[in-house]
Amino acid sequence: MIWHKYISKLSGWLFGLLLVTLGILNLLLVHPVTGLIYLFLALIFLPPISRAFKKHFRLYIPVALKIILGIVILWFTLGISDLAEIYGL
């Protein structure tokens, strides 16, 4: 079961960095408010920030909720976001 820990961290880093990238692109190309929202949501997925929330604020977001939130964010980004229209996705 140790592989579960590494897959969880790796997926957190990958999705967190994806959201940071989407946030920066939205800040520069679309609208600053949506860019800031993506950057804030990236904090939920990045493992060091997630551990800090858990340690300092006792705020823990279950993995299942993170997966659902990730699917909704990707659906929103690729389906109805202005960024998808700019790049023709």
C-alpha atoms as a PDB file:
ATOM      1  CA  MET A   1       0.000   0.000   0.000  1.00  0.00           C
ATOM      2  CA  ILE A   2       3.004   2.318   0.025  1.00  0.00           C
ATOM      3  CA  TRP A   3       2.505   2.945  -3.703  1.00  0.00           C
ATOM      4  CA  HIS A   4      -0.829   4.623  -2.892  1.00  0.00           C
ATOM      5  CA  LYS A   5       1.028   7.321  -0.964  1.00  0.00           C
ATOM      6  CA  TYR A   6       3.371   8.076  -3.869  1.00  0.00           C
ATOM      7  CA  ILE A   7       0.603   8.082  -6.471  1.00  0.00           C
ATOM      8  CA  SER A   8      -1.402  10.449  -4.297  1.00  0.00           C
ATOM      9  CA  LYS A   9       1.526  12.861  -3.949  1.00  0.00           C
ATOM     10  CA  LEU A  10       2.423  12.674  -7.635  1.00  0.00           C
ATOM     11  CA  SER A  11      -1.151  13.287  -8.756  1.00  0.00           C
ATOM     12  CA  GLY A  12      -1.427  16.174  -6.286  1.00  0.00           C
ATOM     13  CA  TRP A  13       1.704  17.784  -7.695  1.00  0.00           C
ATOM     14  CA  LEU A  14       0.669  17.256 -11.310  1.00  0.00           C
ATOM     15  CA  PHE A  15      -2.861  18.564 -10.897  1.00  0.00           C
ATOM     16  CA  GLY A  16      -1.708  21.414  -8.653  1.00  0.00           C
ATOM     17  CA  LEU A  17       0.870  22.523 -11.219  1.00  0.00           C
ATOM     18  CA  LEU A  18      -1.751  22.208 -13.962  1.00  0.00           C
ATOM     19  CA  LEU A  19      -4.013  24.558 -12.008  1.00  0.00           C
ATOM     20  CA  VAL A  20      -1.144  26.988 -11.422  1.00  0.00           C
ATOM     21  CA  THR A  21      -0.509  27.004 -15.183  1.00  0.00           C
ATOM     22  CA  LEU A  22      -4.214  27.541 -15.917  1.00  0.00           C
ATOM     23  CA  GLY A  23      -4.284  30.317 -13.332  1.00  0.00           C
ATOM     24  CA  ILE A  24      -1.344  32.133 -14.886  1.00  0.00           C
ATOM     25  CA  LEU A  25      -2.800  31.758 -18.390  1.00  0.00           C
ATOM     26  CA  ASN A  26      -6.150  33.085 -17.205  1.00  0.00           C
ATOM     27  CA  LEU A  27      -4.453  35.987 -15.447  1.00  0.00           C
ATOM     28  CA  LEU A  28      -2.616  36.975 -18.610  1.00  0.00           C
ATOM     29  CA  LEU A  29      -5.115  36.100 -21.356  1.00  0.00           C
ATOM     30  CA  VAL A  30      -8.662  36.027 -20.023  1.00  0.00           C
ATOM     31  CA  HIS A  31      -9.550  37.668 -16.724  1.00  0.00           C
ATOM     32  CA  PRO A  32      -7.679  38.192 -13.447  1.00  0.00           C
ATOM     33  CA  VAL A  33     -10.547  36.963 -11.258  1.00  0.00           C
ATOM     34  CA  THR A  34     -10.686  33.506 -12.844  1.00  0.00           C
ATOM     35  CA  GLY A  35      -6.891  33.349 -12.751  1.00  0.00           C
ATOM     36  CA  LEU A  36      -6.870  34.041  -9.026  1.00  0.00           C
ATOM     37  CA  ILE A  37      -9.572  31.423  -8.463  1.00  0.00           C
ATOM     38  CA  TYR A  38      -7.472  28.800 -10.272  1.00  0.00           C
ATOM     39  CA  LEU A  39      -4.410  29.777  -8.252  1.00  0.00           C
ATOM     40  CA  PHE A  40      -6.399  29.484  -5.024  1.00  0.00           C
ATOM     41  CA  LEU A  41      -7.764  26.071  -6.053  1.00  0.00           C
ATOM     42  CA  ALA A  42      -4.224  24.917  -6.802  1.00  0.00           C
ATOM     43  CA  LEU A  43      -3.483  25.324  -3.087  1.00  0.00           C
ATOM     44  CA  ILE A  44      -5.924  22.519  -2.317  1.00  0.00           C
ATOM     45  CA  PHE A  45      -4.054  20.019  -4.490  1.00  0.00           C
ATOM     46  CA  LEU A  46      -0.378  20.834  -3.819  1.00  0.00           C
ATOM     47  CA  PRO A  47       0.881  18.392  -1.151  1.00  0.00           C
ATOM     48  CA  PRO A  48       2.930  20.844   0.992  1.00  0.00           C
ATOM     49  CA  ILE A  49       0.074  23.329   1.170  1.00  0.00           C
ATOM     50  CA  SER A  50      -2.423  20.560   1.831  1.00  0.00           C
ATOM     51  CA  ARG A  51      -0.272  19.328   4.741  1.00  0.00           C
ATOM     52  CA  ALA A  52      -0.002  22.878   6.100  1.00  0.00           C
ATOM     53  CA  PHE A  53      -3.798  23.275   5.994  1.00  0.00           C
ATOM     54  CA  LYS A  54      -4.154  19.979   7.818  1.00  0.00           C
ATOM     55  CA  LYS A  55      -1.517  20.866  10.430  1.00  0.00           C
ATOM     56  CA  HIS A  56      -2.311  24.506  11.166  1.00  0.00           C
ATOM     57  CA  PHE A  57      -6.023  24.812  10.455  1.00  0.00           C
ATOM     58  CA  ARG A  58      -7.101  21.176  10.962  1.00  0.00           C
ATOM     59  CA  LEU A  59      -8.669  21.371   7.505  1.00  0.00           C
ATOM     60  CA  TYR A  60      -8.524  18.053   5.680  1.00  0.00           C
ATOM     61  CA  ILE A  61     -10.089  17.504   2.272  1.00  0.00           C
ATOM     62  CA  PRO A  62     -10.673  13.801   1.513  1.00  0.00           C
ATOM     63  CA  VAL A  63      -9.159  12.316  -1.627  1.00  0.00           C
ATOM     64  CA  ALA A  64     -12.578  11.466  -3.065  1.00  0.00           C
ATOM     65  CA  LEU A  65     -13.650  15.100  -2.773  1.00  0.00           C
ATOM     66  CA  LYS A  66     -10.401  16.219  -4.415  1.00  0.00           C
ATOM     67  CA  ILE A  67     -11.044  13.859  -7.325  1.00  0.00           C
ATOM     68  CA  ILE A  68     -14.598  15.144  -7.778  1.00  0.00           C
ATOM     69  CA  LEU A  69     -13.389  18.739  -7.524  1.00  0.00           C
ATOM     70  CA  GLY A  70     -10.642  18.007 -10.055  1.00  0.00           C
ATOM     71  CA  ILE A  71     -13.121  16.564 -12.545  1.00  0.00           C
ATOM     72  CA  VAL A  72     -15.420  19.566 -12.144  1.00  0.00           C
ATOM     73  CA  ILE A  73     -12.509  21.995 -12.599  1.00  0.00           C
ATOM     74  CA  LEU A  74     -11.329  20.228 -15.761  1.00  0.00           C
ATOM     75  CA  TRP A  75     -14.879  20.098 -17.113  1.00  0.00           C
ATOM     76  CA  PHE A  76     -15.305  23.804 -16.459  1.00  0.00           C
ATOM     77  CA  THR A  77     -11.939  24.670 -17.978  1.00  0.00           C
ATOM     78  CA  LEU A  78     -12.299  22.627 -21.140  1.00  0.00           C
ATOM     79  CA  GLY A  79     -16.036  22.983 -21.583  1.00  0.00           C
ATOM     80  CA  ILE A  80     -17.170  26.471 -20.782  1.00  0.00           C
ATOM     81  CA  SER A  81     -14.058  28.508 -20.072  1.00  0.00           C
ATOM     82  CA  ASP A  82     -12.904  31.396 -22.257  1.00  0.00           C
ATOM     83  CA  LEU A  83      -9.421  29.884 -22.247  1.00  0.00           C
ATOM     84  CA  ALA A  84     -10.705  26.887 -24.204  1.00  0.00           C
ATOM     85  CA  GLU A  85     -12.155  29.226 -26.835  1.00  0.00           C
ATOM     86  CA  ILE A  86      -8.861  31.076 -27.226  1.00  0.00           C
ATOM     87  CA  TYR A  87      -6.899  27.916 -27.991  1.00  0.00           C
ATOM     88  CA  GLY A  88      -9.683  26.142 -29.865  1.00  0.00           C
ATOM     89  CA  LEU A  89      -9.933  23.205 -27.445  1.00  0.00           C
END
